[in-house]
Amino acid sequence: MFNAKTHRHFDRLMKSLAKRYFELPEVFGKAIDILESDPYNLSQVYDIKKLSNITDGLGEYRLRIGRWRFRYDIRGSEVIFYFCGLRNENTYG
């Protein structure tokens, strides 16, 4: 089992986004459940990707749940959330 923690930047993002998107706490709860049990996606059930050219401390893994994206690092038995964002039509262009 892994323990989930958040970075202070992540906490600010969550606070800001949760005011506009009421489903976010529920989605974040799912993210915690997934990453506390299988952050490396060894079961290949979840939409988790190890990002290339990203260093430790910047969220080198990405979990996708619907339109939501969570970036995190794994340090020992800890999963540290660094970013939470909403994917929409304007994200990539």
C-alpha atoms as a PDB file:
ATOM      1  CA  MET A   1       0.000   0.000   0.000  1.00  0.00           C
ATOM      2  CA  PHE A   2       1.065   3.549  -0.739  1.00  0.00           C
ATOM      3  CA  ASN A   3       0.238   6.753   1.133  1.00  0.00           C
ATOM      4  CA  ALA A   4      -1.101   9.731  -0.816  1.00  0.00           C
ATOM      5  CA  LYS A   5       0.150  13.224  -0.016  1.00  0.00           C
ATOM      6  CA  THR A   6      -0.294  16.563  -1.712  1.00  0.00           C
ATOM      7  CA  HIS A   7       2.118  19.355  -2.553  1.00  0.00           C
ATOM      8  CA  ARG A   8       1.132  22.897  -1.512  1.00  0.00           C
ATOM      9  CA  HIS A   9       0.752  23.906  -5.179  1.00  0.00           C
ATOM     10  CA  PHE A  10      -1.693  21.038  -5.635  1.00  0.00           C
ATOM     11  CA  ASP A  11      -3.652  22.160  -2.573  1.00  0.00           C
ATOM     12  CA  ARG A  12      -4.087  25.648  -4.049  1.00  0.00           C
ATOM     13  CA  LEU A  13      -5.237  24.233  -7.379  1.00  0.00           C
ATOM     14  CA  MET A  14      -7.745  21.918  -5.701  1.00  0.00           C
ATOM     15  CA  LYS A  15      -9.173  24.729  -3.597  1.00  0.00           C
ATOM     16  CA  SER A  16      -9.605  26.956  -6.640  1.00  0.00           C
ATOM     17  CA  LEU A  17     -11.040  24.274  -8.940  1.00  0.00           C
ATOM     18  CA  ALA A  18     -13.378  22.765  -6.326  1.00  0.00           C
ATOM     19  CA  LYS A  19     -15.258  26.081  -6.148  1.00  0.00           C
ATOM     20  CA  ARG A  20     -16.241  25.752  -9.820  1.00  0.00           C
ATOM     21  CA  TYR A  21     -16.355  21.985 -10.301  1.00  0.00           C
ATOM     22  CA  PHE A  22     -18.364  20.287  -7.588  1.00  0.00           C
ATOM     23  CA  GLU A  23     -17.485  16.790  -8.852  1.00  0.00           C
ATOM     24  CA  LEU A  24     -13.765  17.306  -8.222  1.00  0.00           C
ATOM     25  CA  PRO A  25     -13.649  16.027  -4.615  1.00  0.00           C
ATOM     26  CA  GLU A  26     -15.312  12.777  -5.705  1.00  0.00           C
ATOM     27  CA  VAL A  27     -12.914  12.371  -8.655  1.00  0.00           C
ATOM     28  CA  PHE A  28      -9.950  13.130  -6.400  1.00  0.00           C
ATOM     29  CA  GLY A  29     -11.187  10.467  -3.978  1.00  0.00           C
ATOM     30  CA  LYS A  30     -11.130   7.950  -6.845  1.00  0.00           C
ATOM     31  CA  ALA A  31      -7.605   9.082  -7.754  1.00  0.00           C
ATOM     32  CA  ILE A  32      -6.439   8.509  -4.185  1.00  0.00           C
ATOM     33  CA  ASP A  33      -7.997   5.027  -4.101  1.00  0.00           C
ATOM     34  CA  ILE A  34      -6.342   4.093  -7.399  1.00  0.00           C
ATOM     35  CA  LEU A  35      -2.914   5.449  -6.572  1.00  0.00           C
ATOM     36  CA  GLU A  36      -2.760   4.092  -3.041  1.00  0.00           C
ATOM     37  CA  SER A  37      -3.237   0.601  -4.447  1.00  0.00           C
ATOM     38  CA  ASP A  38      -1.519   0.665  -7.884  1.00  0.00           C
ATOM     39  CA  PRO A  39       0.453   3.861  -8.683  1.00  0.00           C
ATOM     40  CA  TYR A  40       2.688   2.092 -11.212  1.00  0.00           C
ATOM     41  CA  ASN A  41      -0.372   0.626 -12.987  1.00  0.00           C
ATOM     42  CA  LEU A  42       0.993  -2.897 -12.781  1.00  0.00           C
ATOM     43  CA  SER A  43      -2.545  -4.202 -13.295  1.00  0.00           C
ATOM     44  CA  GLN A  44      -2.826  -2.139 -16.511  1.00  0.00           C
ATOM     45  CA  VAL A  45      -6.414  -1.290 -15.583  1.00  0.00           C
ATOM     46  CA  TYR A  46      -6.025   2.471 -15.127  1.00  0.00           C
ATOM     47  CA  ASP A  47      -5.142   5.262 -17.515  1.00  0.00           C
ATOM     48  CA  ILE A  48      -1.717   5.999 -16.046  1.00  0.00           C
ATOM     49  CA  LYS A  49       1.258   7.075 -18.103  1.00  0.00           C
ATOM     50  CA  LYS A  50       4.872   7.704 -17.139  1.00  0.00           C
ATOM     51  CA  LEU A  51       5.734  10.979 -18.820  1.00  0.00           C
ATOM     52  CA  SER A  52       9.030  11.337 -20.631  1.00  0.00           C
ATOM     53  CA  ASN A  53      11.473  14.204 -20.050  1.00  0.00           C
ATOM     54  CA  ILE A  54       9.868  15.109 -16.709  1.00  0.00           C
ATOM     55  CA  THR A  55      12.089  15.104 -13.636  1.00  0.00           C
ATOM     56  CA  ASP A  56      11.164  13.990 -10.153  1.00  0.00           C
ATOM     57  CA  GLY A  57       9.351  16.765  -8.317  1.00  0.00           C
ATOM     58  CA  LEU A  58       7.331  17.872 -11.323  1.00  0.00           C
ATOM     59  CA  GLY A  59       4.878  14.988 -11.555  1.00  0.00           C
ATOM     60  CA  GLU A  60       6.472  12.376 -13.743  1.00  0.00           C
ATOM     61  CA  TYR A  61       3.311  10.220 -13.813  1.00  0.00           C
ATOM     62  CA  ARG A  62      -0.141  11.197 -15.116  1.00  0.00           C
ATOM     63  CA  LEU A  63      -3.470   9.681 -14.108  1.00  0.00           C
ATOM     64  CA  ARG A  64      -6.442  10.416 -16.328  1.00  0.00           C
ATOM     65  CA  ILE A  65      -9.975  10.065 -14.959  1.00  0.00           C
ATOM     66  CA  GLY A  66     -12.490  11.300 -17.502  1.00  0.00           C
ATOM     67  CA  ARG A  67     -11.611  14.918 -18.269  1.00  0.00           C
ATOM     68  CA  TRP A  68      -9.475  15.257 -15.132  1.00  0.00           C
ATOM     69  CA  ARG A  69      -5.687  14.922 -15.082  1.00  0.00           C
ATOM     70  CA  PHE A  70      -3.565  14.343 -11.999  1.00  0.00           C
ATOM     71  CA  ARG A  71       0.229  14.503 -12.064  1.00  0.00           C
ATOM     72  CA  TYR A  72       2.194  12.812  -9.326  1.00  0.00           C
ATOM     73  CA  ASP A  73       5.533  11.335  -8.296  1.00  0.00           C
ATOM     74  CA  ILE A  74       6.261   8.157  -6.406  1.00  0.00           C
ATOM     75  CA  ARG A  75       8.851   8.309  -3.647  1.00  0.00           C
ATOM     76  CA  GLY A  76       9.289   5.079  -1.759  1.00  0.00           C
ATOM     77  CA  SER A  77       5.830   4.243  -0.445  1.00  0.00           C
ATOM     78  CA  GLU A  78       4.435   7.760  -0.963  1.00  0.00           C
ATOM     79  CA  VAL A  79       2.467   9.146  -3.877  1.00  0.00           C
ATOM     80  CA  ILE A  80       2.784  12.934  -4.025  1.00  0.00           C
ATOM     81  CA  PHE A  81       0.229  14.884  -6.055  1.00  0.00           C
ATOM     82  CA  TYR A  82       1.615  17.958  -7.851  1.00  0.00           C
ATOM     83  CA  PHE A  83      -1.021  18.971 -10.378  1.00  0.00           C
ATOM     84  CA  CYS A  84      -4.727  18.688 -10.963  1.00  0.00           C
ATOM     85  CA  GLY A  85      -6.339  20.006 -14.122  1.00  0.00           C
ATOM     86  CA  LEU A  86      -9.360  19.753 -16.307  1.00  0.00           C
ATOM     87  CA  ARG A  87      -8.951  18.684 -19.913  1.00  0.00           C
ATOM     88  CA  ASN A  88     -11.230  20.651 -22.216  1.00  0.00           C
ATOM     89  CA  GLU A  89     -11.404  21.699 -25.826  1.00  0.00           C
ATOM     90  CA  ASN A  90      -8.910  24.555 -25.329  1.00  0.00           C
ATOM     91  CA  THR A  91      -6.222  22.585 -23.486  1.00  0.00           C
ATOM     92  CA  TYR A  92      -3.966  21.900 -26.459  1.00  0.00           C
ATOM     93  CA  GLY A  93      -4.644  24.772 -28.756  1.00  0.00           C
END
